[in-house]
C-alpha cells in the first residue's frame, strides 16, 4: 500500500483495531471541523500536524498524540488525544475525547461598526463609499 511507504508507516489507515483512527475522521468526530471532507482538505493543505509533523488524511492518531489544526481566521487549535472515536458525537461527549491546550482567541474589539447607514438614505455615493473605506482602513 502506498501510505505504508510514504512515511505513514504502521500508523497509517487505522487497521490495528482500536489503537489508531484516521486523523481526518478523528478531527471531524470531535467537532474540530464541520465535515470529514473539510478535515481531509485541511490535512492535504498542510493545516494539520500530529506531534509536529504534517500528516496525510489517512495518518493514524493514537492516544497521547498532539494534534495542531490551523483554522480559518488564523486561529490554531492544539489538542491532546485522550480517547479515540470513529463516529461523530455530540459536543459534550466530544470535549471529553481531548485536552484543549489552544491559546485563547484574540480579544474582540468592542467598536461601533463603521459604515452603518440610516435606513431610507438610499445608495451611498462615491464620496460616501470612499469615506466608509477610509474609516474601515483606519480601524483594521
N, C-alpha and C. Protein backbone atom coordinates (compact mmCIF):
# COMPACT_ATOMS: atom_id res chain seq x y z
N UNK A 1 0.84 -1.19 0.00
CA UNK A 1 0.00 0.00 0.00
C UNK A 1 0.88 1.25 0.00
N UNK A 2 0.51 2.29 -0.70
CA UNK A 2 1.37 3.46 -0.88
C UNK A 2 1.57 4.22 0.42
N UNK A 3 0.58 4.26 1.31
CA UNK A 3 0.74 5.04 2.54
C UNK A 3 1.75 4.42 3.48
N UNK A 4 2.00 3.09 3.36
CA UNK A 4 2.97 2.45 4.24
C UNK A 4 4.39 2.83 3.89
N UNK A 5 4.65 3.16 2.62
CA UNK A 5 6.00 3.51 2.21
C UNK A 5 6.25 5.00 2.20
N UNK A 6 5.23 5.80 2.43
CA UNK A 6 5.40 7.25 2.31
C UNK A 6 5.42 7.95 3.66
N UNK A 7 6.00 7.30 4.67
CA UNK A 7 6.16 7.98 5.95
C UNK A 7 5.03 7.71 6.91
N UNK A 8 3.91 7.14 6.46
CA UNK A 8 2.80 6.84 7.35
C UNK A 8 3.13 5.66 8.24
N UNK A 9 3.88 4.69 7.71
CA UNK A 9 4.31 3.54 8.48
C UNK A 9 3.14 2.70 8.95
N UNK A 10 3.31 2.05 10.08
CA UNK A 10 2.28 1.17 10.61
C UNK A 10 1.12 1.95 11.17
N UNK A 11 1.29 3.26 11.38
CA UNK A 11 0.21 4.04 11.97
C UNK A 11 -0.80 4.53 10.95
N UNK A 12 -0.57 4.31 9.67
CA UNK A 12 -1.49 4.80 8.64
C UNK A 12 -2.68 3.89 8.48
N UNK A 13 -3.85 4.46 8.24
CA UNK A 13 -5.02 3.70 7.88
C UNK A 13 -5.88 3.22 9.02
N UNK A 14 -5.37 3.15 10.22
CA UNK A 14 -6.19 2.72 11.34
C UNK A 14 -6.58 1.25 11.26
N UNK A 15 -5.68 0.37 10.79
CA UNK A 15 -6.01 -1.03 10.60
C UNK A 15 -5.73 -1.87 11.83
N UNK A 16 -5.21 -1.32 12.89
CA UNK A 16 -4.82 -2.09 14.06
C UNK A 16 -5.92 -2.11 15.11
N UNK A 17 -7.17 -2.18 14.72
CA UNK A 17 -8.27 -2.24 15.67
C UNK A 17 -8.55 -0.90 16.32
N UNK A 18 -8.62 -0.88 17.65
CA UNK A 18 -8.96 0.34 18.38
C UNK A 18 -7.77 1.18 18.75
N UNK A 19 -6.55 0.86 18.24
CA UNK A 19 -5.36 1.57 18.65
C UNK A 19 -5.12 2.87 17.90
N UNK A 20 -5.64 2.99 16.68
CA UNK A 20 -5.47 4.24 15.94
C UNK A 20 -6.70 4.51 15.09
N UNK A 21 -6.89 5.80 14.78
CA UNK A 21 -8.02 6.25 13.97
C UNK A 21 -7.47 7.25 12.96
N UNK A 22 -8.03 7.28 11.77
CA UNK A 22 -7.61 8.26 10.76
C UNK A 22 -7.74 9.67 11.33
N UNK A 23 -6.77 10.51 11.05
CA UNK A 23 -6.77 11.85 11.62
C UNK A 23 -7.90 12.70 11.06
N UNK A 24 -8.24 12.56 9.77
CA UNK A 24 -9.34 13.35 9.22
C UNK A 24 -10.67 12.95 9.86
N UNK A 25 -10.83 11.66 10.11
CA UNK A 25 -12.05 11.17 10.75
C UNK A 25 -12.11 11.62 12.22
N UNK A 26 -10.96 11.59 12.91
CA UNK A 26 -10.97 11.95 14.33
C UNK A 26 -11.26 13.43 14.54
N UNK A 27 -10.64 14.32 13.75
CA UNK A 27 -10.90 15.76 13.96
C UNK A 27 -12.33 16.12 13.60
N UNK A 28 -12.94 15.34 12.70
CA UNK A 28 -14.36 15.55 12.39
C UNK A 28 -15.22 15.00 13.53
N UNK A 29 -14.85 13.84 14.07
CA UNK A 29 -15.64 13.21 15.13
C UNK A 29 -15.69 14.05 16.39
N UNK A 30 -14.59 14.74 16.71
CA UNK A 30 -14.56 15.55 17.93
C UNK A 30 -14.93 17.01 17.65
N UNK A 31 -15.47 17.25 16.46
CA UNK A 31 -16.05 18.54 16.09
C UNK A 31 -15.04 19.68 15.99
N UNK A 32 -13.82 19.39 15.55
CA UNK A 32 -12.86 20.46 15.27
C UNK A 32 -13.07 21.03 13.87
N UNK A 33 -13.66 20.21 12.97
CA UNK A 33 -14.04 20.66 11.63
C UNK A 33 -15.49 20.27 11.39
N UNK A 34 -16.14 20.96 10.46
CA UNK A 34 -17.57 20.73 10.23
C UNK A 34 -17.86 19.45 9.45
N UNK A 35 -17.02 19.12 8.47
CA UNK A 35 -17.27 17.92 7.67
C UNK A 35 -15.99 17.11 7.58
N UNK A 36 -16.14 15.82 7.30
CA UNK A 36 -14.96 14.97 7.18
C UNK A 36 -14.15 15.37 5.95
N UNK A 37 -14.85 15.77 4.89
CA UNK A 37 -14.10 16.18 3.70
C UNK A 37 -13.30 17.44 3.96
N UNK A 38 -13.80 18.35 4.80
CA UNK A 38 -13.01 19.53 5.13
C UNK A 38 -11.83 19.15 6.03
N UNK A 39 -11.97 18.09 6.81
CA UNK A 39 -10.85 17.58 7.59
C UNK A 39 -9.76 17.03 6.68
N UNK A 40 -10.19 16.29 5.64
CA UNK A 40 -9.22 15.78 4.67
C UNK A 40 -8.55 16.89 3.90
N UNK A 41 -9.33 17.91 3.54
CA UNK A 41 -8.77 19.05 2.81
C UNK A 41 -7.76 19.81 3.68
N UNK A 42 -8.06 19.92 4.98
CA UNK A 42 -7.13 20.59 5.90
C UNK A 42 -5.81 19.82 5.98
N UNK A 43 -5.90 18.50 5.99
CA UNK A 43 -4.68 17.68 6.03
C UNK A 43 -3.88 17.85 4.75
N UNK A 44 -4.57 17.79 3.61
CA UNK A 44 -3.88 17.93 2.32
C UNK A 44 -3.26 19.31 2.17
N UNK A 45 -3.89 20.32 2.76
CA UNK A 45 -3.37 21.68 2.66
C UNK A 45 -2.27 21.98 3.65
N UNK A 46 -1.93 21.02 4.51
CA UNK A 46 -0.85 21.23 5.46
C UNK A 46 -1.28 21.96 6.72
N UNK A 47 -2.58 21.98 7.01
CA UNK A 47 -3.07 22.69 8.18
C UNK A 47 -3.18 21.81 9.42
N UNK A 48 -2.89 20.53 9.27
CA UNK A 48 -2.97 19.60 10.39
C UNK A 48 -1.58 19.01 10.64
N UNK A 49 -1.15 19.07 11.89
CA UNK A 49 0.13 18.49 12.28
C UNK A 49 -0.11 17.58 13.48
N UNK A 50 0.52 16.42 13.44
CA UNK A 50 0.46 15.49 14.57
C UNK A 50 1.88 15.33 15.09
N UNK A 51 2.06 15.65 16.36
CA UNK A 51 3.38 15.60 17.00
C UNK A 51 4.41 16.40 16.21
N UNK A 52 3.99 17.53 15.65
CA UNK A 52 4.91 18.43 14.98
C UNK A 52 5.13 18.20 13.50
N UNK A 53 4.61 17.12 12.92
CA UNK A 53 4.84 16.88 11.50
C UNK A 53 3.52 16.90 10.72
N UNK A 54 3.60 17.40 9.49
CA UNK A 54 2.43 17.45 8.62
C UNK A 54 2.02 16.03 8.28
N UNK A 55 0.71 15.80 8.23
CA UNK A 55 0.23 14.44 8.00
C UNK A 55 -0.79 14.41 6.88
N UNK A 56 -0.93 13.21 6.29
CA UNK A 56 -1.95 12.96 5.29
C UNK A 56 -3.26 12.62 6.00
N UNK A 57 -4.39 12.69 5.29
CA UNK A 57 -5.68 12.38 5.94
C UNK A 57 -5.75 10.96 6.50
N UNK A 58 -5.01 10.03 5.95
CA UNK A 58 -5.10 8.64 6.40
C UNK A 58 -4.18 8.33 7.58
N UNK A 59 -3.42 9.30 8.06
CA UNK A 59 -2.50 9.07 9.17
C UNK A 59 -3.28 8.63 10.40
N UNK A 60 -2.79 7.65 11.12
CA UNK A 60 -3.47 7.15 12.31
C UNK A 60 -3.03 7.89 13.55
N UNK A 61 -3.98 8.45 14.29
CA UNK A 61 -3.66 9.11 15.55
C UNK A 61 -3.84 8.11 16.69
N UNK A 62 -3.05 8.28 17.73
CA UNK A 62 -3.09 7.40 18.89
C UNK A 62 -3.37 8.24 20.13
N UNK A 63 -3.75 7.59 21.21
CA UNK A 63 -3.96 8.29 22.48
C UNK A 63 -2.63 8.90 22.91
N UNK A 64 -2.66 10.17 23.28
CA UNK A 64 -1.46 10.88 23.71
C UNK A 64 -0.83 11.74 22.64
N UNK A 65 -1.26 11.61 21.37
CA UNK A 65 -0.72 12.43 20.29
C UNK A 65 -1.18 13.88 20.43
N UNK A 66 -0.31 14.80 19.99
CA UNK A 66 -0.68 16.22 19.96
C UNK A 66 -1.09 16.56 18.53
N UNK A 67 -2.32 17.07 18.38
CA UNK A 67 -2.85 17.44 17.07
C UNK A 67 -2.99 18.95 17.03
N UNK A 68 -2.36 19.56 16.01
CA UNK A 68 -2.47 21.01 15.81
C UNK A 68 -3.25 21.24 14.52
N UNK A 69 -4.29 22.07 14.62
CA UNK A 69 -5.15 22.35 13.47
C UNK A 69 -5.25 23.85 13.31
N UNK A 70 -4.80 24.34 12.14
CA UNK A 70 -4.93 25.76 11.84
C UNK A 70 -6.28 25.99 11.20
N UNK A 71 -7.12 26.83 11.82
CA UNK A 71 -8.46 27.07 11.33
C UNK A 71 -8.54 28.40 10.60
N UNK A 72 -9.70 28.62 9.96
CA UNK A 72 -9.92 29.87 9.24
C UNK A 72 -9.82 31.04 10.22
N UNK A 73 -9.28 32.14 9.76
CA UNK A 73 -9.11 33.30 10.63
C UNK A 73 -7.77 33.29 11.36
N UNK A 74 -6.93 32.29 11.08
CA UNK A 74 -5.60 32.26 11.68
C UNK A 74 -5.53 31.63 13.05
N UNK A 75 -6.64 31.17 13.60
CA UNK A 75 -6.63 30.57 14.92
C UNK A 75 -6.09 29.15 14.84
N UNK A 76 -5.27 28.77 15.81
CA UNK A 76 -4.71 27.43 15.85
C UNK A 76 -5.25 26.69 17.06
N UNK A 77 -5.75 25.48 16.83
CA UNK A 77 -6.24 24.62 17.92
C UNK A 77 -5.15 23.59 18.21
N UNK A 78 -4.81 23.45 19.47
CA UNK A 78 -3.82 22.48 19.91
C UNK A 78 -4.53 21.55 20.88
N UNK A 79 -4.66 20.28 20.52
CA UNK A 79 -5.36 19.32 21.37
C UNK A 79 -4.50 18.07 21.56
N UNK A 80 -4.65 17.45 22.72
CA UNK A 80 -4.00 16.18 23.02
C UNK A 80 -5.09 15.11 22.98
N UNK A 81 -4.85 14.04 22.22
CA UNK A 81 -5.84 12.97 22.06
C UNK A 81 -5.95 12.21 23.38
N UNK A 82 -7.16 12.19 23.92
CA UNK A 82 -7.42 11.48 25.16
C UNK A 82 -8.16 10.16 24.91
N UNK A 83 -9.02 10.17 23.89
CA UNK A 83 -9.82 8.99 23.56
C UNK A 83 -10.04 8.94 22.06
N UNK A 84 -10.00 7.76 21.48
CA UNK A 84 -10.21 7.59 20.04
C UNK A 84 -11.67 7.26 19.77
N UNK A 85 -12.26 7.99 18.83
CA UNK A 85 -13.62 7.69 18.40
C UNK A 85 -13.65 7.76 16.87
N UNK A 86 -14.56 6.99 16.28
CA UNK A 86 -14.69 6.96 14.83
C UNK A 86 -15.96 7.64 14.36
N UNK A 87 -16.97 7.68 15.20
CA UNK A 87 -18.26 8.27 14.82
C UNK A 87 -18.39 9.65 15.44
N UNK A 88 -19.08 10.54 14.73
CA UNK A 88 -19.30 11.90 15.25
C UNK A 88 -20.26 11.83 16.42
N UNK A 89 -19.92 12.55 17.48
CA UNK A 89 -20.73 12.53 18.69
C UNK A 89 -21.12 13.95 19.06
N UNK A 90 -21.99 14.08 20.04
CA UNK A 90 -22.42 15.40 20.50
C UNK A 90 -21.28 16.17 21.14
N UNK A 91 -21.45 17.47 21.22
CA UNK A 91 -20.39 18.33 21.74
C UNK A 91 -19.98 17.99 23.17
N UNK A 92 -20.91 17.70 24.10
CA UNK A 92 -20.47 17.37 25.46
C UNK A 92 -19.60 16.11 25.52
N UNK A 93 -19.89 15.12 24.68
CA UNK A 93 -19.08 13.90 24.64
C UNK A 93 -17.76 14.17 23.92
N UNK A 94 -17.80 15.00 22.88
CA UNK A 94 -16.61 15.27 22.07
C UNK A 94 -15.51 15.93 22.89
N UNK A 95 -15.85 16.84 23.78
CA UNK A 95 -14.82 17.55 24.56
C UNK A 95 -14.14 16.62 25.56
N UNK A 96 -14.75 15.47 25.85
CA UNK A 96 -14.12 14.51 26.76
C UNK A 96 -13.07 13.67 26.04
N UNK A 97 -12.99 13.78 24.71
CA UNK A 97 -12.06 12.96 23.93
C UNK A 97 -10.71 13.63 23.72
N UNK A 98 -10.55 14.87 24.17
CA UNK A 98 -9.28 15.56 24.01
C UNK A 98 -9.07 16.57 25.11
N UNK A 99 -7.81 16.95 25.29
CA UNK A 99 -7.44 18.01 26.22
C UNK A 99 -7.08 19.21 25.36
N UNK A 100 -7.76 20.33 25.56
CA UNK A 100 -7.56 21.51 24.73
C UNK A 100 -6.46 22.38 25.31
N UNK A 101 -5.34 22.48 24.61
CA UNK A 101 -4.21 23.34 25.01
C UNK A 101 -4.09 24.54 24.09
N UNK A 102 -5.17 24.91 23.42
CA UNK A 102 -5.14 26.01 22.47
C UNK A 102 -4.93 27.34 23.17
N UNK A 103 -4.19 28.24 22.53
CA UNK A 103 -4.08 29.59 23.10
C UNK A 103 -5.44 30.26 23.02
N UNK A 104 -5.73 31.16 23.96
CA UNK A 104 -7.03 31.82 23.93
C UNK A 104 -7.19 32.66 22.66
N UNK A 105 -8.42 32.76 22.15
CA UNK A 105 -8.61 33.57 20.94
C UNK A 105 -8.32 35.03 21.24
N UNK A 106 -7.88 35.78 20.24
CA UNK A 106 -7.59 37.20 20.48
C UNK A 106 -8.86 37.93 20.88
N UNK A 107 -8.74 38.93 21.76
CA UNK A 107 -9.94 39.64 22.20
C UNK A 107 -10.59 40.41 21.06
N UNK A 108 -11.89 40.38 21.04
CA UNK A 108 -12.62 41.11 20.01
C UNK A 108 -12.74 42.56 20.44
N UNK A 109 -12.47 43.43 19.51
CA UNK A 109 -12.54 44.85 19.81
C UNK A 109 -13.99 45.30 19.84
N UNK A 110 -14.34 46.02 20.88
CA UNK A 110 -15.71 46.50 21.03
C UNK A 110 -15.81 47.91 20.44
N UNK A 111 -15.93 47.99 19.14
CA UNK A 111 -16.07 49.27 18.47
C UNK A 111 -17.36 49.25 17.66
N UNK A 112 -17.91 50.41 17.46
CA UNK A 112 -19.12 50.51 16.65
C UNK A 112 -18.77 50.20 15.20
N UNK A 113 -19.62 49.45 14.52
CA UNK A 113 -19.32 49.14 13.12
C UNK A 113 -19.30 50.40 12.26
N UNK A 114 -18.25 50.52 11.45
CA UNK A 114 -18.12 51.69 10.59
C UNK A 114 -18.97 51.49 9.34
N UNK A 115 -19.55 52.53 8.87
CA UNK A 115 -20.27 52.47 7.62
C UNK A 115 -21.72 52.03 7.73
N UNK A 116 -22.29 52.03 8.93
CA UNK A 116 -23.69 51.68 9.05
C UNK A 116 -24.51 52.91 8.66
N UNK A 117 -25.37 52.72 7.69
CA UNK A 117 -26.16 53.84 7.18
C UNK A 117 -27.58 53.77 7.71
N UNK A 118 -28.16 54.93 7.84
CA UNK A 118 -29.55 55.00 8.27
C UNK A 118 -30.45 54.43 7.19
N UNK A 119 -31.53 53.87 7.63
CA UNK A 119 -32.49 53.28 6.71
C UNK A 119 -33.17 54.37 5.90
N UNK A 120 -33.31 54.11 4.62
CA UNK A 120 -34.00 55.06 3.76
C UNK A 120 -33.13 56.16 3.19
N UNK A 121 -31.82 56.13 3.43
CA UNK A 121 -30.95 57.18 2.90
C UNK A 121 -30.51 56.88 1.47
N UNK A 122 -30.85 55.69 0.96
CA UNK A 122 -30.53 55.38 -0.42
C UNK A 122 -29.14 54.81 -0.58
N UNK A 123 -28.78 54.66 -1.82
CA UNK A 123 -27.49 54.07 -2.15
C UNK A 123 -26.38 55.06 -1.85
N UNK A 124 -25.24 54.58 -1.29
CA UNK A 124 -24.16 55.52 -0.99
C UNK A 124 -23.53 56.08 -2.27
N UNK A 125 -23.16 57.33 -2.20
CA UNK A 125 -22.48 57.96 -3.33
C UNK A 125 -21.01 57.53 -3.31
N UNK A 126 -20.31 57.89 -4.36
CA UNK A 126 -18.89 57.54 -4.43
C UNK A 126 -18.14 58.18 -3.26
N UNK A 127 -18.51 59.38 -2.92
CA UNK A 127 -17.89 60.08 -1.81
C UNK A 127 -18.18 59.36 -0.49
N UNK A 128 -19.44 58.91 -0.31
CA UNK A 128 -19.79 58.16 0.90
C UNK A 128 -19.00 56.85 0.99
N UNK A 129 -18.91 56.16 -0.14
CA UNK A 129 -18.20 54.89 -0.17
C UNK A 129 -16.74 55.08 0.20
N UNK A 130 -16.10 56.10 -0.34
CA UNK A 130 -14.69 56.37 -0.03
C UNK A 130 -14.51 56.72 1.45
N UNK A 131 -15.46 57.45 1.99
CA UNK A 131 -15.42 57.80 3.42
C UNK A 131 -15.54 56.54 4.29
N UNK A 132 -16.44 55.63 3.90
CA UNK A 132 -16.60 54.38 4.65
C UNK A 132 -15.33 53.53 4.56
N UNK A 133 -14.71 53.45 3.38
CA UNK A 133 -13.48 52.69 3.23
C UNK A 133 -12.35 53.30 4.04
N UNK A 134 -12.31 54.63 4.10
CA UNK A 134 -11.28 55.29 4.89
C UNK A 134 -11.45 54.96 6.37
N UNK A 135 -12.69 54.97 6.85
CA UNK A 135 -12.94 54.64 8.25
C UNK A 135 -12.59 53.18 8.55
N UNK A 136 -12.95 52.28 7.66
CA UNK A 136 -12.63 50.86 7.87
C UNK A 136 -11.12 50.63 7.84
N UNK A 137 -10.43 51.32 6.96
CA UNK A 137 -8.98 51.16 6.85
C UNK A 137 -8.26 51.69 8.08
N UNK A 138 -8.79 52.71 8.70
CA UNK A 138 -8.15 53.30 9.89
C UNK A 138 -8.30 52.37 11.07
N UNK A 139 -9.40 51.58 11.14
CA UNK A 139 -9.63 50.70 12.28
C UNK A 139 -8.89 49.38 12.13
N UNK A 140 -8.83 48.82 10.90
CA UNK A 140 -8.23 47.50 10.70
C UNK A 140 -6.85 47.61 10.30
